[in-house]
């Protein structure tokens, strides 16, 4: 090949190996540009990535700790305050009295919009 010094290739003197030195665009998306916070050197970060994570190699507690998400959120159901508002008033006037709707037996408040 003109322009490439054969002695400077990574596969020089390896008769059964051809190493491609082209940039892999798909792998480049997953490369980190900076070191994550707790690591001070690239060697530390690479050593942490080399450790196998899986139930075949580690205990169950280790796998759960290694694969646990950093933030855990709980989904709470939405609670409507309109039926409670009508029950809280001892003697509500007819304007604030909740009435059952004809659809699906849900309670519709008079001030609530019907869609």
N, C-alpha and C. Protein backbone atom coordinates (compact mmCIF):
# COMPACT_ATOMS: atom_id res chain seq x y z
N UNK A 1 0.84 -1.18 0.00
CA UNK A 1 0.00 0.00 0.00
C UNK A 1 0.89 1.25 0.00
N UNK A 2 0.71 2.14 -0.93
CA UNK A 2 1.52 3.35 -0.92
C UNK A 2 1.06 4.29 0.21
N UNK A 3 2.00 4.93 0.88
CA UNK A 3 1.69 5.90 1.93
C UNK A 3 1.62 5.31 3.32
N UNK A 4 1.61 3.98 3.47
CA UNK A 4 1.54 3.36 4.79
C UNK A 4 2.81 2.56 5.00
N UNK A 5 3.52 2.87 6.08
CA UNK A 5 4.73 2.12 6.40
C UNK A 5 4.32 0.80 7.04
N UNK A 6 4.69 -0.30 6.41
CA UNK A 6 4.26 -1.62 6.86
C UNK A 6 4.81 -1.94 8.24
N UNK A 7 5.96 -1.45 8.60
CA UNK A 7 6.56 -1.76 9.90
C UNK A 7 5.86 -1.04 11.05
N UNK A 8 5.02 -0.04 10.75
CA UNK A 8 4.33 0.70 11.82
C UNK A 8 2.90 0.23 12.03
N UNK A 9 2.45 -0.75 11.26
CA UNK A 9 1.11 -1.29 11.45
C UNK A 9 1.06 -2.15 12.70
N UNK A 10 -0.11 -2.21 13.31
CA UNK A 10 -0.27 -3.01 14.53
C UNK A 10 -0.21 -4.51 14.25
N UNK A 11 -0.49 -4.91 13.03
CA UNK A 11 -0.43 -6.33 12.69
C UNK A 11 0.87 -6.71 11.99
N UNK A 12 1.91 -5.90 12.17
CA UNK A 12 3.22 -6.19 11.57
C UNK A 12 3.80 -7.44 12.23
N UNK A 13 4.31 -8.37 11.45
CA UNK A 13 4.89 -9.64 11.86
C UNK A 13 3.87 -10.59 12.48
N UNK A 14 2.61 -10.41 12.19
CA UNK A 14 1.57 -11.35 12.60
C UNK A 14 0.97 -11.88 11.31
N UNK A 15 1.40 -13.05 10.92
CA UNK A 15 1.07 -13.56 9.60
C UNK A 15 -0.42 -13.92 9.44
N UNK A 16 -1.09 -14.31 10.50
CA UNK A 16 -2.48 -14.76 10.39
C UNK A 16 -3.48 -13.72 10.90
N UNK A 17 -3.04 -12.49 11.11
CA UNK A 17 -3.91 -11.47 11.69
C UNK A 17 -3.92 -10.23 10.80
N UNK A 18 -5.11 -9.67 10.59
CA UNK A 18 -5.24 -8.38 9.91
C UNK A 18 -6.07 -7.49 10.84
N UNK A 19 -5.48 -6.42 11.32
CA UNK A 19 -6.17 -5.51 12.23
C UNK A 19 -6.63 -4.30 11.44
N UNK A 20 -7.92 -4.05 11.49
CA UNK A 20 -8.48 -2.89 10.82
C UNK A 20 -8.32 -1.67 11.74
N UNK A 21 -7.77 -0.60 11.22
CA UNK A 21 -7.56 0.60 12.02
C UNK A 21 -8.57 1.69 11.69
N UNK A 22 -9.68 1.29 11.07
CA UNK A 22 -10.74 2.25 10.77
C UNK A 22 -11.53 2.54 12.05
N UNK A 23 -12.12 3.72 12.11
CA UNK A 23 -12.92 4.10 13.26
C UNK A 23 -14.30 3.45 13.15
N UNK A 24 -14.73 2.80 14.21
CA UNK A 24 -16.04 2.17 14.25
C UNK A 24 -17.05 3.19 14.77
N UNK A 25 -17.94 3.67 13.91
CA UNK A 25 -18.87 4.74 14.28
C UNK A 25 -19.89 4.26 15.31
N UNK A 26 -20.31 3.01 15.21
CA UNK A 26 -21.30 2.50 16.16
C UNK A 26 -20.70 2.36 17.56
N UNK A 27 -19.45 1.94 17.64
CA UNK A 27 -18.80 1.80 18.94
C UNK A 27 -18.42 3.16 19.51
N UNK A 28 -18.18 4.14 18.66
CA UNK A 28 -17.79 5.47 19.13
C UNK A 28 -18.90 6.14 19.93
N UNK A 29 -20.17 5.79 19.67
CA UNK A 29 -21.28 6.37 20.43
C UNK A 29 -21.23 5.98 21.90
N UNK A 30 -20.67 4.80 22.19
CA UNK A 30 -20.67 4.28 23.56
C UNK A 30 -19.37 4.59 24.31
N UNK A 31 -18.46 5.28 23.70
CA UNK A 31 -17.20 5.62 24.36
C UNK A 31 -17.40 6.84 25.25
N UNK A 32 -16.73 6.86 26.40
CA UNK A 32 -16.83 8.01 27.29
C UNK A 32 -15.76 9.03 26.95
N UNK A 33 -16.12 10.30 27.06
CA UNK A 33 -15.16 11.37 26.79
C UNK A 33 -14.41 11.78 28.05
N UNK A 34 -15.08 11.74 29.19
CA UNK A 34 -14.47 12.10 30.48
C UNK A 34 -14.62 10.93 31.44
N UNK A 35 -13.80 10.93 32.47
CA UNK A 35 -13.90 9.89 33.50
C UNK A 35 -15.10 10.16 34.39
N UNK A 36 -15.86 9.14 34.76
CA UNK A 36 -16.94 9.33 35.73
C UNK A 36 -16.38 9.74 37.08
N UNK A 37 -17.23 10.27 37.96
CA UNK A 37 -16.81 10.92 39.19
C UNK A 37 -15.87 10.12 40.09
N UNK A 38 -16.21 8.93 40.55
CA UNK A 38 -15.34 8.37 41.59
C UNK A 38 -13.95 7.94 41.11
N UNK A 39 -13.74 7.86 39.81
CA UNK A 39 -12.47 7.36 39.29
C UNK A 39 -11.48 8.50 39.07
N UNK A 40 -10.20 8.22 39.36
CA UNK A 40 -9.16 9.23 39.18
C UNK A 40 -8.25 8.92 38.00
N UNK A 41 -8.32 7.70 37.48
CA UNK A 41 -7.50 7.37 36.32
C UNK A 41 -8.28 6.45 35.38
N UNK A 42 -7.83 6.41 34.15
CA UNK A 42 -8.48 5.56 33.16
C UNK A 42 -8.30 4.08 33.50
N UNK A 43 -7.17 3.74 34.12
CA UNK A 43 -6.92 2.35 34.50
C UNK A 43 -7.93 1.87 35.54
N UNK A 44 -8.28 2.72 36.49
CA UNK A 44 -9.28 2.36 37.51
C UNK A 44 -10.65 2.12 36.86
N UNK A 45 -11.02 3.00 35.95
CA UNK A 45 -12.32 2.89 35.29
C UNK A 45 -12.40 1.62 34.45
N UNK A 46 -11.35 1.33 33.69
CA UNK A 46 -11.34 0.13 32.86
C UNK A 46 -11.32 -1.14 33.70
N UNK A 47 -10.65 -1.11 34.86
CA UNK A 47 -10.64 -2.27 35.74
C UNK A 47 -12.04 -2.54 36.31
N UNK A 48 -12.79 -1.49 36.59
CA UNK A 48 -14.15 -1.68 37.11
C UNK A 48 -15.07 -2.25 36.03
N UNK A 49 -14.83 -1.91 34.77
CA UNK A 49 -15.65 -2.43 33.68
C UNK A 49 -15.30 -3.87 33.33
N UNK A 50 -14.09 -4.28 33.61
CA UNK A 50 -13.66 -5.64 33.28
C UNK A 50 -14.32 -6.69 34.16
N UNK A 51 -14.73 -6.31 35.36
CA UNK A 51 -15.33 -7.29 36.27
C UNK A 51 -16.64 -7.80 35.72
N UNK A 52 -16.83 -9.10 35.76
CA UNK A 52 -18.04 -9.72 35.22
C UNK A 52 -19.21 -9.47 36.16
N UNK A 53 -20.34 -9.09 35.60
CA UNK A 53 -21.57 -8.90 36.36
C UNK A 53 -22.57 -9.89 35.80
N UNK A 54 -22.96 -10.83 36.60
CA UNK A 54 -23.93 -11.82 36.16
C UNK A 54 -24.11 -12.87 37.23
N UNK A 55 -25.25 -13.52 37.21
CA UNK A 55 -25.56 -14.51 38.23
C UNK A 55 -24.69 -15.77 38.09
N UNK A 56 -24.05 -15.94 36.93
CA UNK A 56 -23.19 -17.10 36.75
C UNK A 56 -21.86 -16.94 37.48
N UNK A 57 -21.40 -15.69 37.65
CA UNK A 57 -20.07 -15.45 38.21
C UNK A 57 -20.11 -14.86 39.62
N UNK A 58 -21.19 -14.23 39.99
CA UNK A 58 -21.25 -13.53 41.27
C UNK A 58 -22.43 -14.02 42.08
N UNK A 59 -22.43 -13.65 43.37
CA UNK A 59 -23.55 -14.02 44.23
C UNK A 59 -24.76 -13.17 43.89
N UNK A 60 -25.92 -13.59 44.35
CA UNK A 60 -27.15 -12.87 44.06
C UNK A 60 -27.13 -11.46 44.63
N UNK A 61 -26.62 -11.30 45.85
CA UNK A 61 -26.57 -9.98 46.47
C UNK A 61 -25.64 -9.04 45.70
N UNK A 62 -24.52 -9.55 45.20
CA UNK A 62 -23.59 -8.74 44.43
C UNK A 62 -24.21 -8.29 43.11
N UNK A 63 -24.92 -9.19 42.44
CA UNK A 63 -25.55 -8.85 41.17
C UNK A 63 -26.64 -7.80 41.39
N UNK A 64 -27.43 -7.95 42.45
CA UNK A 64 -28.49 -6.98 42.72
C UNK A 64 -27.91 -5.61 43.04
N UNK A 65 -26.83 -5.58 43.79
CA UNK A 65 -26.21 -4.30 44.14
C UNK A 65 -25.59 -3.64 42.91
N UNK A 66 -24.97 -4.44 42.02
CA UNK A 66 -24.31 -3.89 40.84
C UNK A 66 -25.30 -3.42 39.78
N UNK A 67 -26.46 -4.04 39.71
CA UNK A 67 -27.43 -3.70 38.67
C UNK A 67 -28.58 -2.83 39.17
N UNK A 68 -28.54 -2.43 40.45
CA UNK A 68 -29.60 -1.61 41.01
C UNK A 68 -29.53 -0.20 40.43
N UNK A 69 -30.67 0.38 40.04
CA UNK A 69 -30.64 1.75 39.51
C UNK A 69 -30.26 2.74 40.60
N UNK A 70 -29.69 3.87 40.20
CA UNK A 70 -29.26 4.88 41.17
C UNK A 70 -30.44 5.59 41.80
N UNK A 71 -31.50 5.81 41.04
CA UNK A 71 -32.68 6.51 41.54
C UNK A 71 -33.86 5.57 41.43
N UNK A 72 -34.58 5.40 42.53
CA UNK A 72 -35.76 4.56 42.54
C UNK A 72 -36.95 5.45 42.82
N UNK A 73 -37.93 5.44 41.95
CA UNK A 73 -39.12 6.26 42.14
C UNK A 73 -40.32 5.35 42.32
N UNK A 74 -41.29 5.84 43.07
CA UNK A 74 -42.52 5.10 43.28
C UNK A 74 -43.65 5.85 42.58
N UNK A 75 -44.49 5.11 41.89
CA UNK A 75 -45.62 5.69 41.19
C UNK A 75 -46.81 5.66 42.13
N UNK A 76 -47.38 6.82 42.39
CA UNK A 76 -48.54 6.90 43.26
C UNK A 76 -49.79 7.13 42.40
N UNK A 77 -50.89 6.52 42.78
CA UNK A 77 -52.12 6.75 42.00
C UNK A 77 -52.65 8.15 42.25
N UNK A 78 -53.27 8.73 41.23
CA UNK A 78 -53.86 10.06 41.38
C UNK A 78 -55.13 9.95 42.21
N UNK A 79 -55.27 10.85 43.15
CA UNK A 79 -56.44 10.85 44.02
C UNK A 79 -57.22 12.12 43.76
N UNK A 80 -58.50 11.96 43.49
CA UNK A 80 -59.36 13.11 43.25
C UNK A 80 -59.90 13.62 44.58
N UNK A 81 -59.84 14.92 44.80
CA UNK A 81 -60.31 15.51 46.05
C UNK A 81 -61.76 15.97 45.96
N UNK A 82 -62.35 15.94 44.78
CA UNK A 82 -63.70 16.46 44.62
C UNK A 82 -64.75 15.67 45.39
N UNK A 83 -64.79 14.34 45.37
CA UNK A 83 -65.79 13.63 46.18
C UNK A 83 -65.58 13.88 47.67
N UNK A 84 -64.34 13.97 48.14
CA UNK A 84 -64.07 14.22 49.55
C UNK A 84 -64.52 15.63 49.94
N UNK A 85 -64.39 16.58 49.02
CA UNK A 85 -64.78 17.95 49.31
C UNK A 85 -66.28 18.01 49.60
N UNK A 86 -67.08 17.28 48.85
CA UNK A 86 -68.53 17.29 49.05
C UNK A 86 -68.90 16.60 50.36
N UNK A 87 -68.15 15.56 50.74
CA UNK A 87 -68.44 14.86 51.98
C UNK A 87 -68.00 15.66 53.20
N UNK A 88 -67.00 16.54 53.05
CA UNK A 88 -66.47 17.29 54.18
C UNK A 88 -67.45 18.36 54.66
N UNK A 89 -68.26 18.86 53.78
CA UNK A 89 -69.21 19.91 54.15
C UNK A 89 -70.43 19.24 54.78
N UNK A 90 -70.81 19.70 55.98
CA UNK A 90 -71.91 19.06 56.71
C UNK A 90 -73.25 19.26 55.99
N UNK A 91 -73.54 20.47 55.56
CA UNK A 91 -74.80 20.75 54.88
C UNK A 91 -74.49 21.49 53.58
N UNK A 92 -74.07 20.77 52.54
CA UNK A 92 -73.69 21.46 51.31
C UNK A 92 -74.91 22.02 50.59
N UNK A 93 -74.71 23.14 49.95
CA UNK A 93 -75.78 23.68 49.14
C UNK A 93 -75.86 22.88 47.84
N UNK A 94 -76.95 22.95 47.09
CA UNK A 94 -77.09 22.13 45.88
C UNK A 94 -76.01 22.38 44.84
N UNK A 95 -75.39 23.56 44.87
CA UNK A 95 -74.36 23.85 43.89
C UNK A 95 -73.13 22.97 44.09
N UNK A 96 -72.79 22.64 45.33
CA UNK A 96 -71.59 21.86 45.63
C UNK A 96 -71.88 20.40 45.89
N UNK A 97 -73.09 19.94 45.67
CA UNK A 97 -73.43 18.56 45.92
C UNK A 97 -72.97 17.70 44.73
N UNK A 98 -72.18 16.69 45.00
CA UNK A 98 -71.71 15.80 43.93
C UNK A 98 -72.83 14.84 43.56
N UNK A 99 -72.94 14.53 42.30
CA UNK A 99 -73.99 13.63 41.85
C UNK A 99 -73.35 12.53 40.99
N UNK A 100 -73.92 11.34 40.98
CA UNK A 100 -73.37 10.29 40.13
C UNK A 100 -73.60 10.59 38.66
N UNK A 101 -72.64 10.26 37.84
CA UNK A 101 -72.78 10.51 36.41
C UNK A 101 -73.44 9.30 35.75
N UNK A 102 -74.04 9.51 34.60
CA UNK A 102 -74.67 8.38 33.92
C UNK A 102 -73.66 7.40 33.34
N UNK A 103 -72.38 7.84 33.13
CA UNK A 103 -71.38 6.96 32.53
C UNK A 103 -70.56 6.29 33.62
N UNK A 104 -70.55 5.00 33.64
CA UNK A 104 -69.64 4.18 34.44
C UNK A 104 -69.78 4.42 35.95
N UNK A 105 -70.80 5.10 36.42
CA UNK A 105 -71.01 5.27 37.84
C UNK A 105 -69.99 6.15 38.54
N UNK A 106 -69.29 7.02 37.81
CA UNK A 106 -68.31 7.90 38.44
C UNK A 106 -69.01 9.12 38.99
N UNK A 107 -68.37 9.79 39.93
CA UNK A 107 -68.95 10.98 40.55
C UNK A 107 -68.41 12.20 39.83
N UNK A 108 -69.34 13.09 39.43
CA UNK A 108 -68.96 14.32 38.74
C UNK A 108 -69.37 15.48 39.64
N UNK A 109 -68.45 16.35 39.89
CA UNK A 109 -68.71 17.54 40.68
C UNK A 109 -69.34 18.60 39.78
N UNK A 110 -70.27 19.41 40.30
CA UNK A 110 -70.91 20.42 39.44
C UNK A 110 -69.93 21.43 38.85
N UNK A 111 -68.84 21.74 39.56
CA UNK A 111 -67.88 22.69 39.03
C UNK A 111 -66.84 22.04 38.13
N UNK A 112 -66.83 20.72 38.10
CA UNK A 112 -65.88 20.00 37.27
C UNK A 112 -66.39 19.95 35.83
N UNK A 113 -65.48 20.12 34.87
CA UNK A 113 -65.88 20.11 33.47
C UNK A 113 -66.20 18.68 33.03
N UNK A 114 -67.23 18.54 32.25
CA UNK A 114 -67.56 17.25 31.69
C UNK A 114 -67.05 17.20 30.26
N UNK A 115 -66.27 16.24 29.93
CA UNK A 115 -65.68 16.14 28.59
C UNK A 115 -66.47 15.20 27.75
